[in-house]
């Protein structure tokens, strides 16, 4: 896949033991993304999809906490990949 021009792979943690019961990243999710970024470092055809459709925040009271955890995942990736991979934030 990585050898074809214009073809990308989106790697997401949609169902993962590191997400909380509402699909929100945790500190363990941040560690998981750091590990994944190291595994796919310099493979520019791999995009990272952070947080797929978290649930149960209808009133928006958890927005700041969720944003900070999602940002921590992005930061963990950027420390490892030097900005080489595209990061897609799929939901808040």
C-alpha atoms as a PDB file:
ATOM      1  CA  UNK A   1       0.000   0.000   0.000  1.00  0.00           C
ATOM      2  CA  UNK A   2       2.734   2.455   0.953  1.00  0.00           C
ATOM      3  CA  UNK A   3       4.367   2.199  -2.444  1.00  0.00           C
ATOM      4  CA  UNK A   4       1.416   3.544  -4.446  1.00  0.00           C
ATOM      5  CA  UNK A   5       1.271   7.272  -5.051  1.00  0.00           C
ATOM      6  CA  UNK A   6      -1.710   8.975  -3.446  1.00  0.00           C
ATOM      7  CA  UNK A   7      -2.726   5.948  -1.357  1.00  0.00           C
ATOM      8  CA  UNK A   8      -2.920   6.407   2.402  1.00  0.00           C
ATOM      9  CA  UNK A   9      -3.827   4.253   5.393  1.00  0.00           C
ATOM     10  CA  UNK A  10      -5.779   5.751   8.317  1.00  0.00           C
ATOM     11  CA  UNK A  11      -4.852   4.087  11.601  1.00  0.00           C
ATOM     12  CA  UNK A  12      -7.472   4.677  14.312  1.00  0.00           C
ATOM     13  CA  UNK A  13      -8.151   3.311  17.768  1.00  0.00           C
ATOM     14  CA  UNK A  14     -11.922   2.934  17.461  1.00  0.00           C
ATOM     15  CA  UNK A  15     -12.239   0.065  19.900  1.00  0.00           C
ATOM     16  CA  UNK A  16      -9.270  -0.089  22.236  1.00  0.00           C
ATOM     17  CA  UNK A  17      -8.780  -1.060  25.855  1.00  0.00           C
ATOM     18  CA  UNK A  18      -7.058   2.272  26.544  1.00  0.00           C
ATOM     19  CA  UNK A  19     -10.195   4.336  25.796  1.00  0.00           C
ATOM     20  CA  UNK A  20     -12.619   4.983  28.633  1.00  0.00           C
ATOM     21  CA  UNK A  21     -16.212   3.681  28.600  1.00  0.00           C
ATOM     22  CA  UNK A  22     -17.289   6.697  26.522  1.00  0.00           C
ATOM     23  CA  UNK A  23     -14.570   6.315  23.897  1.00  0.00           C
ATOM     24  CA  UNK A  24     -12.438   9.152  25.276  1.00  0.00           C
ATOM     25  CA  UNK A  25      -8.638   8.838  25.338  1.00  0.00           C
ATOM     26  CA  UNK A  26      -6.863   8.235  28.647  1.00  0.00           C
ATOM     27  CA  UNK A  27      -3.224   8.528  29.699  1.00  0.00           C
ATOM     28  CA  UNK A  28      -2.765   4.965  28.464  1.00  0.00           C
ATOM     29  CA  UNK A  29      -4.128   6.014  25.056  1.00  0.00           C
ATOM     30  CA  UNK A  30      -1.464   8.723  24.903  1.00  0.00           C
ATOM     31  CA  UNK A  31       1.179   6.055  25.551  1.00  0.00           C
ATOM     32  CA  UNK A  32      -0.356   3.811  22.884  1.00  0.00           C
ATOM     33  CA  UNK A  33      -0.213   6.616  20.281  1.00  0.00           C
ATOM     34  CA  UNK A  34       3.408   7.309  21.135  1.00  0.00           C
ATOM     35  CA  UNK A  35       4.205   3.636  20.563  1.00  0.00           C
ATOM     36  CA  UNK A  36       2.250   3.527  17.288  1.00  0.00           C
ATOM     37  CA  UNK A  37       3.969   6.699  16.068  1.00  0.00           C
ATOM     38  CA  UNK A  38       7.332   5.071  16.721  1.00  0.00           C
ATOM     39  CA  UNK A  39       6.253   1.959  14.797  1.00  0.00           C
ATOM     40  CA  UNK A  40       5.158   3.982  11.744  1.00  0.00           C
ATOM     41  CA  UNK A  41       7.728   6.778  11.938  1.00  0.00           C
ATOM     42  CA  UNK A  42       8.770   8.068   8.527  1.00  0.00           C
ATOM     43  CA  UNK A  43       5.980   6.138   6.795  1.00  0.00           C
ATOM     44  CA  UNK A  44       4.188   9.163   5.409  1.00  0.00           C
ATOM     45  CA  UNK A  45       1.403   7.061   3.852  1.00  0.00           C
ATOM     46  CA  UNK A  46       0.153   6.264   7.387  1.00  0.00           C
ATOM     47  CA  UNK A  47      -2.231   8.808   8.911  1.00  0.00           C
ATOM     48  CA  UNK A  48      -3.238   8.710  12.558  1.00  0.00           C
ATOM     49  CA  UNK A  49      -6.943   9.069  13.422  1.00  0.00           C
ATOM     50  CA  UNK A  50      -7.430  10.309  16.981  1.00  0.00           C
ATOM     51  CA  UNK A  51     -10.622   9.589  18.934  1.00  0.00           C
ATOM     52  CA  UNK A  52     -13.404   8.060  16.919  1.00  0.00           C
ATOM     53  CA  UNK A  53     -16.825   9.350  17.981  1.00  0.00           C
ATOM     54  CA  UNK A  54     -16.680   9.722  21.766  1.00  0.00           C
ATOM     55  CA  UNK A  55     -20.087   9.450  23.450  1.00  0.00           C
ATOM     56  CA  UNK A  56     -22.105  10.979  26.275  1.00  0.00           C
ATOM     57  CA  UNK A  57     -21.148  14.662  26.192  1.00  0.00           C
ATOM     58  CA  UNK A  58     -24.445  16.152  25.071  1.00  0.00           C
ATOM     59  CA  UNK A  59     -24.193  19.238  27.278  1.00  0.00           C
ATOM     60  CA  UNK A  60     -20.546  19.963  26.378  1.00  0.00           C
ATOM     61  CA  UNK A  61     -19.408  20.031  30.008  1.00  0.00           C
ATOM     62  CA  UNK A  62     -16.601  17.555  29.246  1.00  0.00           C
ATOM     63  CA  UNK A  63     -15.283  19.396  26.156  1.00  0.00           C
ATOM     64  CA  UNK A  64     -12.177  20.886  27.800  1.00  0.00           C
ATOM     65  CA  UNK A  65     -11.044  17.606  29.373  1.00  0.00           C
ATOM     66  CA  UNK A  66     -11.641  15.713  26.136  1.00  0.00           C
ATOM     67  CA  UNK A  67      -9.844  18.348  24.074  1.00  0.00           C
ATOM     68  CA  UNK A  68      -6.835  18.207  26.407  1.00  0.00           C
ATOM     69  CA  UNK A  69      -6.637  14.416  26.170  1.00  0.00           C
ATOM     70  CA  UNK A  70      -6.944  14.480  22.394  1.00  0.00           C
ATOM     71  CA  UNK A  71      -4.252  17.188  22.237  1.00  0.00           C
ATOM     72  CA  UNK A  72      -2.012  15.038  24.464  1.00  0.00           C
ATOM     73  CA  UNK A  73      -2.360  12.210  21.911  1.00  0.00           C
ATOM     74  CA  UNK A  74      -1.403  14.549  19.066  1.00  0.00           C
ATOM     75  CA  UNK A  75       1.538  15.905  21.084  1.00  0.00           C
ATOM     76  CA  UNK A  76       2.758  12.370  21.833  1.00  0.00           C
ATOM     77  CA  UNK A  77       2.721  11.568  18.114  1.00  0.00           C
ATOM     78  CA  UNK A  78       4.515  14.798  17.199  1.00  0.00           C
ATOM     79  CA  UNK A  79       7.333  14.150  19.681  1.00  0.00           C
ATOM     80  CA  UNK A  80       8.063  10.899  17.858  1.00  0.00           C
ATOM     81  CA  UNK A  81       7.267  11.591  14.193  1.00  0.00           C
ATOM     82  CA  UNK A  82       8.643  15.128  13.787  1.00  0.00           C
ATOM     83  CA  UNK A  83       5.464  16.194  11.967  1.00  0.00           C
ATOM     84  CA  UNK A  84       5.838  13.657   9.149  1.00  0.00           C
ATOM     85  CA  UNK A  85       2.458  11.925   9.450  1.00  0.00           C
ATOM     86  CA  UNK A  86      -0.972  13.490   8.988  1.00  0.00           C
ATOM     87  CA  UNK A  87      -3.054  13.456  12.180  1.00  0.00           C
ATOM     88  CA  UNK A  88      -6.835  13.460  11.777  1.00  0.00           C
ATOM     89  CA  UNK A  89      -8.984  14.375  14.787  1.00  0.00           C
ATOM     90  CA  UNK A  90     -12.290  12.647  14.142  1.00  0.00           C
ATOM     91  CA  UNK A  91     -14.507  13.862  16.950  1.00  0.00           C
ATOM     92  CA  UNK A  92     -14.800  15.774  20.175  1.00  0.00           C
END
